[in-house]
Amino acid sequence: MNHQLERGGVLVREGAIVDASVVSSARRPTKTLELLPQDREESEGEPGVTETYSDDAEAAWLRKGNKAYYGYKMHVATES
């Protein structure tokens, strides 16, 4: 790579390379709906639905290129 840069008139003495790889989460981003009992008294309010998502609080949806992933970004850096 350095030879190609030198032929183009660019001389690199030092620098850093950073890579961001994707690590998939072991948990899948599942959506859970819990129905509340319908036999509740009116004083407690209307029956409804409780909505929760994956319990992996550190994982998130991310995009690399045109593809979506659910997991983490792992960053690696090296100096030359």
PDB file of N, CA and C in Angstrom:
ATOM      1  N   MET A   1       0.820  -1.175   0.000  1.00  0.00           N
ATOM      2  CA  MET A   1       0.000   0.000   0.000  1.00  0.00           C
ATOM      3  C   MET A   1       0.876   1.257   0.000  1.00  0.00           C
ATOM      4  N   ASN A   2       1.939   1.234   0.793  1.00  0.00           N
ATOM      5  CA  ASN A   2       2.832   2.397   0.843  1.00  0.00           C
ATOM      6  C   ASN A   2       3.443   2.681  -0.520  1.00  0.00           C
ATOM      7  N   HIS A   3       3.783   1.625  -1.295  1.00  0.00           N
ATOM      8  CA  HIS A   3       4.359   1.826  -2.621  1.00  0.00           C
ATOM      9  C   HIS A   3       3.359   2.516  -3.560  1.00  0.00           C
ATOM     10  N   GLN A   4       2.089   2.125  -3.461  1.00  0.00           N
ATOM     11  CA  GLN A   4       1.061   2.756  -4.286  1.00  0.00           C
ATOM     12  C   GLN A   4       0.902   4.221  -3.912  1.00  0.00           C
ATOM     13  N   LEU A   5       0.941   4.521  -2.630  1.00  0.00           N
ATOM     14  CA  LEU A   5       0.832   5.916  -2.192  1.00  0.00           C
ATOM     15  C   LEU A   5       2.040   6.728  -2.660  1.00  0.00           C
ATOM     16  N   GLU A   6       3.242   6.122  -2.570  1.00  0.00           N
ATOM     17  CA  GLU A   6       4.458   6.820  -3.002  1.00  0.00           C
ATOM     18  C   GLU A   6       4.423   7.116  -4.499  1.00  0.00           C
ATOM     19  N   ARG A   7       3.943   6.169  -5.300  1.00  0.00           N
ATOM     20  CA  ARG A   7       3.823   6.408  -6.744  1.00  0.00           C
ATOM     21  C   ARG A   7       2.861   7.546  -7.044  1.00  0.00           C
ATOM     22  N   GLY A   8       1.872   7.730  -6.182  1.00  0.00           N
ATOM     23  CA  GLY A   8       0.915   8.830  -6.343  1.00  0.00           C
ATOM     24  C   GLY A   8       1.410  10.131  -5.747  1.00  0.00           C
ATOM     25  N   GLY A   9       2.620  10.124  -5.175  1.00  0.00           N
ATOM     26  CA  GLY A   9       3.177  11.347  -4.619  1.00  0.00           C
ATOM     27  C   GLY A   9       2.835  11.586  -3.162  1.00  0.00           C
ATOM     28  N   VAL A  10       2.294  10.590  -2.495  1.00  0.00           N
ATOM     29  CA  VAL A  10       1.932  10.729  -1.082  1.00  0.00           C
ATOM     30  C   VAL A  10       2.885   9.879  -0.256  1.00  0.00           C
ATOM     31  N   LEU A  11       3.498  10.458   0.731  1.00  0.00           N
ATOM     32  CA  LEU A  11       4.415   9.734   1.597  1.00  0.00           C
ATOM     33  C   LEU A  11       3.859   9.761   3.016  1.00  0.00           C
ATOM     34  N   VAL A  12       3.543   8.600   3.548  1.00  0.00           N
ATOM     35  CA  VAL A  12       2.967   8.489   4.888  1.00  0.00           C
ATOM     36  C   VAL A  12       4.052   7.986   5.828  1.00  0.00           C
ATOM     37  N   ARG A  13       4.369   8.772   6.825  1.00  0.00           N
ATOM     38  CA  ARG A  13       5.400   8.399   7.804  1.00  0.00           C
ATOM     39  C   ARG A  13       4.796   7.675   9.009  1.00  0.00           C
ATOM     40  N   GLU A  14       3.620   8.096   9.425  1.00  0.00           N
ATOM     41  CA  GLU A  14       2.952   7.456  10.559  1.00  0.00           C
ATOM     42  C   GLU A  14       1.462   7.682  10.433  1.00  0.00           C
ATOM     43  N   GLY A  15       0.708   6.876  11.149  1.00  0.00           N
ATOM     44  CA  GLY A  15      -0.741   6.996  11.092  1.00  0.00           C
ATOM     45  C   GLY A  15      -1.401   5.932  11.937  1.00  0.00           C
ATOM     46  N   ALA A  16      -2.689   5.887  11.860  1.00  0.00           N
ATOM     47  CA  ALA A  16      -3.464   4.908  12.617  1.00  0.00           C
ATOM     48  C   ALA A  16      -4.540   4.324  11.720  1.00  0.00           C
ATOM     49  N   ILE A  17      -4.827   3.057  11.942  1.00  0.00           N
ATOM     50  CA  ILE A  17      -5.898   2.374  11.230  1.00  0.00           C
ATOM     51  C   ILE A  17      -6.943   1.997  12.277  1.00  0.00           C
ATOM     52  N   VAL A  18      -8.197   2.325  12.011  1.00  0.00           N
ATOM     53  CA  VAL A  18      -9.286   2.009  12.927  1.00  0.00           C
ATOM     54  C   VAL A  18     -10.303   1.158  12.183  1.00  0.00           C
ATOM     55  N   ASP A  19     -10.723   0.067  12.810  1.00  0.00           N
ATOM     56  CA  ASP A  19     -11.716  -0.827  12.226  1.00  0.00           C
ATOM     57  C   ASP A  19     -12.884  -0.945  13.189  1.00  0.00           C
ATOM     58  N   ALA A  20     -14.096  -0.863  12.668  1.00  0.00           N
ATOM     59  CA  ALA A  20     -15.297  -1.058  13.483  1.00  0.00           C
ATOM     60  C   ALA A  20     -15.987  -2.325  12.985  1.00  0.00           C
ATOM     61  N   SER A  21     -15.858  -3.396  13.744  1.00  0.00           N
ATOM     62  CA  SER A  21     -16.497  -4.663  13.399  1.00  0.00           C
ATOM     63  C   SER A  21     -17.805  -4.789  14.162  1.00  0.00           C
ATOM     64  N   VAL A  22     -18.695  -5.615  13.635  1.00  0.00           N
ATOM     65  CA  VAL A  22     -19.993  -5.837  14.261  1.00  0.00           C
ATOM     66  C   VAL A  22     -19.967  -7.161  15.004  1.00  0.00           C
ATOM     67  N   VAL A  23     -20.411  -7.149  16.254  1.00  0.00           N
ATOM     68  CA  VAL A  23     -20.556  -8.366  17.052  1.00  0.00           C
ATOM     69  C   VAL A  23     -22.047  -8.518  17.336  1.00  0.00           C
ATOM     70  N   SER A  24     -22.631  -9.606  16.862  1.00  0.00           N
ATOM     71  CA  SER A  24     -24.064  -9.821  17.071  1.00  0.00           C
ATOM     72  C   SER A  24     -24.362 -10.124  18.529  1.00  0.00           C
ATOM     73  N   SER A  25     -25.510  -9.674  18.975  1.00  0.00           N
ATOM     74  CA  SER A  25     -25.944  -9.933  20.340  1.00  0.00           C
ATOM     75  C   SER A  25     -26.445 -11.372  20.446  1.00  0.00           C
ATOM     76  N   ALA A  26     -26.185 -12.002  21.585  1.00  0.00           N
ATOM     77  CA  ALA A  26     -26.698 -13.354  21.818  1.00  0.00           C
ATOM     78  C   ALA A  26     -28.216 -13.325  21.991  1.00  0.00           C
ATOM     79  N   ARG A  27     -28.718 -12.194  22.414  1.00  0.00           N
ATOM     80  CA  ARG A  27     -30.163 -12.012  22.572  1.00  0.00           C
ATOM     81  C   ARG A  27     -30.734 -11.433  21.293  1.00  0.00           C
ATOM     82  N   ARG A  28     -31.895 -11.843  20.932  1.00  0.00           N
ATOM     83  CA  ARG A  28     -32.552 -11.291  19.765  1.00  0.00           C
ATOM     84  C   ARG A  28     -33.481 -10.171  20.209  1.00  0.00           C
ATOM     85  N   PRO A  29     -33.673  -9.164  19.374  1.00  0.00           N
ATOM     86  CA  PRO A  29     -34.520  -8.034  19.769  1.00  0.00           C
ATOM     87  C   PRO A  29     -35.989  -8.406  19.706  1.00  0.00           C
ATOM     88  N   THR A  30     -36.436  -9.191  20.663  1.00  0.00           N
ATOM     89  CA  THR A  30     -37.816  -9.646  20.659  1.00  0.00           C
ATOM     90  C   THR A  30     -38.714  -8.641  21.374  1.00  0.00           C
ATOM     91  N   LYS A  31     -39.887  -8.491  20.852  1.00  0.00           N
ATOM     92  CA  LYS A  31     -40.884  -7.608  21.446  1.00  0.00           C
ATOM     93  C   LYS A  31     -41.887  -8.488  22.177  1.00  0.00           C
ATOM     94  N   THR A  32     -42.116  -8.215  23.444  1.00  0.00           N
ATOM     95  CA  THR A  32     -43.022  -9.018  24.255  1.00  0.00           C
ATOM     96  C   THR A  32     -44.219  -8.171  24.648  1.00  0.00           C
ATOM     97  N   LEU A  33     -45.412  -8.698  24.405  1.00  0.00           N
ATOM     98  CA  LEU A  33     -46.646  -8.020  24.803  1.00  0.00           C
ATOM     99  C   LEU A  33     -47.288  -8.825  25.921  1.00  0.00           C
ATOM    100  N   GLU A  34     -47.593  -8.157  27.015  1.00  0.00           N
ATOM    101  CA  GLU A  34     -48.253  -8.814  28.143  1.00  0.00           C
ATOM    102  C   GLU A  34     -49.633  -8.204  28.289  1.00  0.00           C
ATOM    103  N   LEU A  35     -50.647  -9.045  28.158  1.00  0.00           N
ATOM    104  CA  LEU A  35     -52.016  -8.564  28.311  1.00  0.00           C
ATOM    105  C   LEU A  35     -52.373  -8.525  29.785  1.00  0.00           C
ATOM    106  N   LEU A  36     -52.913  -7.404  30.207  1.00  0.00           N
ATOM    107  CA  LEU A  36     -53.353  -7.269  31.591  1.00  0.00           C
ATOM    108  C   LEU A  36     -54.716  -7.938  31.729  1.00  0.00           C
ATOM    109  N   PRO A  37     -55.031  -8.506  32.887  1.00  0.00           N
ATOM    110  CA  PRO A  37     -56.311  -9.213  33.076  1.00  0.00           C
ATOM    111  C   PRO A  37     -57.505  -8.299  32.814  1.00  0.00           C
ATOM    112  N   GLN A  38     -58.540  -8.860  32.171  1.00  0.00           N
ATOM    113  CA  GLN A  38     -59.742  -8.079  31.869  1.00  0.00           C
ATOM    114  C   GLN A  38     -60.704  -8.026  33.038  1.00  0.00           C
ATOM    115  N   ASP A  39     -60.521  -8.872  34.045  1.00  0.00           N
ATOM    116  CA  ASP A  39     -61.441  -8.906  35.176  1.00  0.00           C
ATOM    117  C   ASP A  39     -61.040  -7.925  36.278  1.00  0.00           C
ATOM    118  N   ARG A  40     -60.248  -6.928  35.934  1.00  0.00           N
ATOM    119  CA  ARG A  40     -59.854  -5.908  36.914  1.00  0.00           C
ATOM    120  C   ARG A  40     -61.030  -4.998  37.205  1.00  0.00           C
ATOM    121  N   GLU A  41     -61.061  -4.457  38.394  1.00  0.00           N
ATOM    122  CA  GLU A  41     -62.120  -3.523  38.749  1.00  0.00           C
ATOM    123  C   GLU A  41     -61.915  -2.220  38.017  1.00  0.00           C
ATOM    124  N   GLU A  42     -63.012  -1.480  37.761  1.00  0.00           N
ATOM    125  CA  GLU A  42     -62.936  -0.224  37.023  1.00  0.00           C
ATOM    126  C   GLU A  42     -62.074   0.809  37.729  1.00  0.00           C
ATOM    127  N   SER A  43     -61.983   0.734  39.059  1.00  0.00           N
ATOM    128  CA  SER A  43     -61.180   1.708  39.794  1.00  0.00           C
ATOM    129  C   SER A  43     -59.699   1.597  39.461  1.00  0.00           C
ATOM    130  N   GLU A  44     -59.274   0.430  38.977  1.00  0.00           N
ATOM    131  CA  GLU A  44     -57.878   0.236  38.614  1.00  0.00           C
ATOM    132  C   GLU A  44     -57.569   0.765  37.220  1.00  0.00           C
ATOM    133  N   GLY A  45     -58.587   1.126  36.440  1.00  0.00           N
ATOM    134  CA  GLY A  45     -58.359   1.649  35.099  1.00  0.00           C
ATOM    135  C   GLY A  45     -58.699   0.628  34.033  1.00  0.00           C
ATOM    136  N   GLU A  46     -58.461   0.989  32.794  1.00  0.00           N
ATOM    137  CA  GLU A  46     -58.771   0.143  31.649  1.00  0.00           C
ATOM    138  C   GLU A  46     -57.764  -0.988  31.521  1.00  0.00           C
ATOM    139  N   PRO A  47     -58.221  -2.178  31.123  1.00  0.00           N
ATOM    140  CA  PRO A  47     -57.268  -3.238  30.833  1.00  0.00           C
ATOM    141  C   PRO A  47     -56.434  -2.839  29.628  1.00  0.00           C
ATOM    142  N   GLY A  48     -55.195  -3.274  29.580  1.00  0.00           N
ATOM    143  CA  GLY A  48     -54.339  -2.852  28.478  1.00  0.00           C
ATOM    144  C   GLY A  48     -53.239  -3.839  28.193  1.00  0.00           C
ATOM    145  N   VAL A  49     -52.205  -3.332  27.581  1.00  0.00           N
ATOM    146  CA  VAL A  49     -51.082  -4.149  27.154  1.00  0.00           C
ATOM    147  C   VAL A  49     -49.793  -3.505  27.653  1.00  0.00           C
ATOM    148  N   THR A  50     -48.903  -4.330  28.200  1.00  0.00           N
ATOM    149  CA  THR A  50     -47.577  -3.873  28.591  1.00  0.00           C
ATOM    150  C   THR A  50     -46.592  -4.355  27.519  1.00  0.00           C
ATOM    151  N   GLU A  51     -45.774  -3.449  27.018  1.00  0.00           N
ATOM    152  CA  GLU A  51     -44.864  -3.750  25.926  1.00  0.00           C
ATOM    153  C   GLU A  51     -43.422  -3.658  26.415  1.00  0.00           C
ATOM    154  N   THR A  52     -42.616  -4.728  26.205  1.00  0.00           N
ATOM    155  CA  THR A  52     -41.203  -4.713  26.582  1.00  0.00           C
ATOM    156  C   THR A  52     -40.376  -5.242  25.419  1.00  0.00           C
ATOM    157  N   TYR A  53     -39.073  -4.929  25.440  1.00  0.00           N
ATOM    158  CA  TYR A  53     -38.144  -5.379  24.405  1.00  0.00           C
ATOM    159  C   TYR A  53     -37.037  -6.206  25.045  1.00  0.00           C
ATOM    160  N   SER A  54     -36.050  -6.576  24.262  1.00  0.00           N
ATOM    161  CA  SER A  54     -34.943  -7.399  24.727  1.00  0.00           C
ATOM    162  C   SER A  54     -34.353  -6.839  26.017  1.00  0.00           C
ATOM    163  N   ASP A  55     -33.899  -7.731  26.908  1.00  0.00           N
ATOM    164  CA  ASP A  55     -33.331  -7.289  28.180  1.00  0.00           C
ATOM    165  C   ASP A  55     -31.834  -6.995  28.066  1.00  0.00           C
ATOM    166  N   ASP A  56     -31.293  -6.974  26.848  1.00  0.00           N
ATOM    167  CA  ASP A  56     -29.890  -6.610  26.624  1.00  0.00           C
ATOM    168  C   ASP A  56     -29.829  -5.097  26.415  1.00  0.00           C
ATOM    169  N   ALA A  57     -29.602  -4.362  27.490  1.00  0.00           N
ATOM    170  CA  ALA A  57     -29.665  -2.903  27.450  1.00  0.00           C
ATOM    171  C   ALA A  57     -28.526  -2.275  26.653  1.00  0.00           C
ATOM    172  N   GLU A  58     -27.410  -2.977  26.461  1.00  0.00           N
ATOM    173  CA  GLU A  58     -26.259  -2.395  25.763  1.00  0.00           C
ATOM    174  C   GLU A  58     -26.280  -2.649  24.258  1.00  0.00           C
ATOM    175  N   ALA A  59     -27.064  -3.619  23.801  1.00  0.00           N
ATOM    176  CA  ALA A  59     -27.154  -3.898  22.366  1.00  0.00           C
ATOM    177  C   ALA A  59     -28.075  -2.882  21.710  1.00  0.00           C
ATOM    178  N   ALA A  60     -27.830  -2.637  20.431  1.00  0.00           N
ATOM    179  CA  ALA A  60     -28.655  -1.677  19.691  1.00  0.00           C
ATOM    180  C   ALA A  60     -28.669  -2.065  18.220  1.00  0.00           C
ATOM    181  N   TRP A  61     -29.631  -1.524  17.493  1.00  0.00           N
ATOM    182  CA  TRP A  61     -29.657  -1.698  16.046  1.00  0.00           C
ATOM    183  C   TRP A  61     -28.587  -0.820  15.447  1.00  0.00           C
ATOM    184  N   LEU A  62     -27.833  -1.354  14.488  1.00  0.00           N
ATOM    185  CA  LEU A  62     -26.834  -0.567  13.783  1.00  0.00           C
ATOM    186  C   LEU A  62     -26.794  -1.008  12.336  1.00  0.00           C
ATOM    187  N   ARG A  63     -26.225  -0.156  11.505  1.00  0.00           N
ATOM    188  CA  ARG A  63     -26.168  -0.421  10.080  1.00  0.00           C
ATOM    189  C   ARG A  63     -24.717  -0.371   9.624  1.00  0.00           C
ATOM    190  N   LYS A  64     -24.295  -1.389   8.880  1.00  0.00           N
ATOM    191  CA  LYS A  64     -22.966  -1.420   8.276  1.00  0.00           C
ATOM    192  C   LYS A  64     -23.184  -1.718   6.798  1.00  0.00           C
ATOM    193  N   GLY A  65     -22.803  -0.765   5.958  1.00  0.00           N
ATOM    194  CA  GLY A  65     -23.138  -0.882   4.542  1.00  0.00           C
ATOM    195  C   GLY A  65     -24.635  -0.711   4.392  1.00  0.00           C
ATOM    196  N   ASN A  66     -25.271  -1.621   3.704  1.00  0.00           N
ATOM    197  CA  ASN A  66     -26.731  -1.568   3.546  1.00  0.00           C
ATOM    198  C   ASN A  66     -27.437  -2.632   4.369  1.00  0.00           C
ATOM    199  N   LYS A  67     -26.735  -3.214   5.339  1.00  0.00           N
ATOM    200  CA  LYS A  67     -27.293  -4.307   6.127  1.00  0.00           C
ATOM    201  C   LYS A  67     -27.465  -3.886   7.578  1.00  0.00           C
ATOM    202  N   ALA A  68     -28.594  -4.258   8.181  1.00  0.00           N
ATOM    203  CA  ALA A  68     -28.874  -3.920   9.579  1.00  0.00           C
ATOM    204  C   ALA A  68     -28.496  -5.092  10.484  1.00  0.00           C
ATOM    205  N   TYR A  69     -27.945  -4.762  11.641  1.00  0.00           N
ATOM    206  CA  TYR A  69     -27.531  -5.757  12.631  1.00  0.00           C
ATOM    207  C   TYR A  69     -28.060  -5.340  13.996  1.00  0.00           C
ATOM    208  N   TYR A  70     -28.236  -6.326  14.890  1.00  0.00           N
ATOM    209  CA  TYR A  70     -28.576  -6.053  16.276  1.00  0.00           C
ATOM    210  C   TYR A  70     -27.424  -6.564  17.121  1.00  0.00           C
ATOM    211  N   GLY A  71     -26.698  -5.661  17.772  1.00  0.00           N
ATOM    212  CA  GLY A  71     -25.544  -6.071  18.567  1.00  0.00           C
ATOM    213  C   GLY A  71     -24.706  -4.907  18.984  1.00  0.00           C
ATOM    214  N   TYR A  72     -23.386  -5.049  18.823  1.00  0.00           N
ATOM    215  CA  TYR A  72     -22.430  -4.066  19.325  1.00  0.00           C
ATOM    216  C   TYR A  72     -21.399  -3.741  18.244  1.00  0.00           C
ATOM    217  N   LYS A  73     -20.773  -2.584  18.348  1.00  0.00           N
ATOM    218  CA  LYS A  73     -19.637  -2.249  17.492  1.00  0.00           C
ATOM    219  C   LYS A  73     -18.370  -2.481  18.299  1.00  0.00           C
ATOM    220  N   MET A  74     -17.437  -3.210  17.709  1.00  0.00           N
ATOM    221  CA  MET A  74     -16.143  -3.450  18.347  1.00  0.00           C
ATOM    222  C   MET A  74     -15.115  -2.642  17.572  1.00  0.00           C
ATOM    223  N   HIS A  75     -14.441  -1.713  18.237  1.00  0.00           N
ATOM    224  CA  HIS A  75     -13.447  -0.867  17.595  1.00  0.00           C
ATOM    225  C   HIS A  75     -12.034  -1.357  17.907  1.00  0.00           C
ATOM    226  N   VAL A  76     -11.211  -1.447  16.862  1.00  0.00           N
ATOM    227  CA  VAL A  76      -9.828  -1.857  17.002  1.00  0.00           C
ATOM    228  C   VAL A  76      -8.971  -0.810  16.318  1.00  0.00           C
ATOM    229  N   ALA A  77      -7.911  -0.359  16.972  1.00  0.00           N
ATOM    230  CA  ALA A  77      -7.012   0.640  16.393  1.00  0.00           C
ATOM    231  C   ALA A  77      -5.574   0.139  16.475  1.00  0.00           C
ATOM    232  N   THR A  78      -4.817   0.475  15.437  1.00  0.00           N
ATOM    233  CA  THR A  78      -3.407   0.140  15.414  1.00  0.00           C
ATOM    234  C   THR A  78      -2.648   1.297  14.807  1.00  0.00           C
ATOM    235  N   GLU A  79      -1.424   1.497  15.268  1.00  0.00           N
ATOM    236  CA  GLU A  79      -0.589   2.574  14.744  1.00  0.00           C
ATOM    237  C   GLU A  79       0.506   1.997  13.873  1.00  0.00           C
ATOM    238  N   SER A  80       0.903   2.771  12.874  1.00  0.00           N
ATOM    239  CA  SER A  80       2.007   2.305  12.035  1.00  0.00           C
ATOM    240  C   SER A  80       3.218   3.180  12.217  1.00  0.00           C
TER     241      SER A  80
END
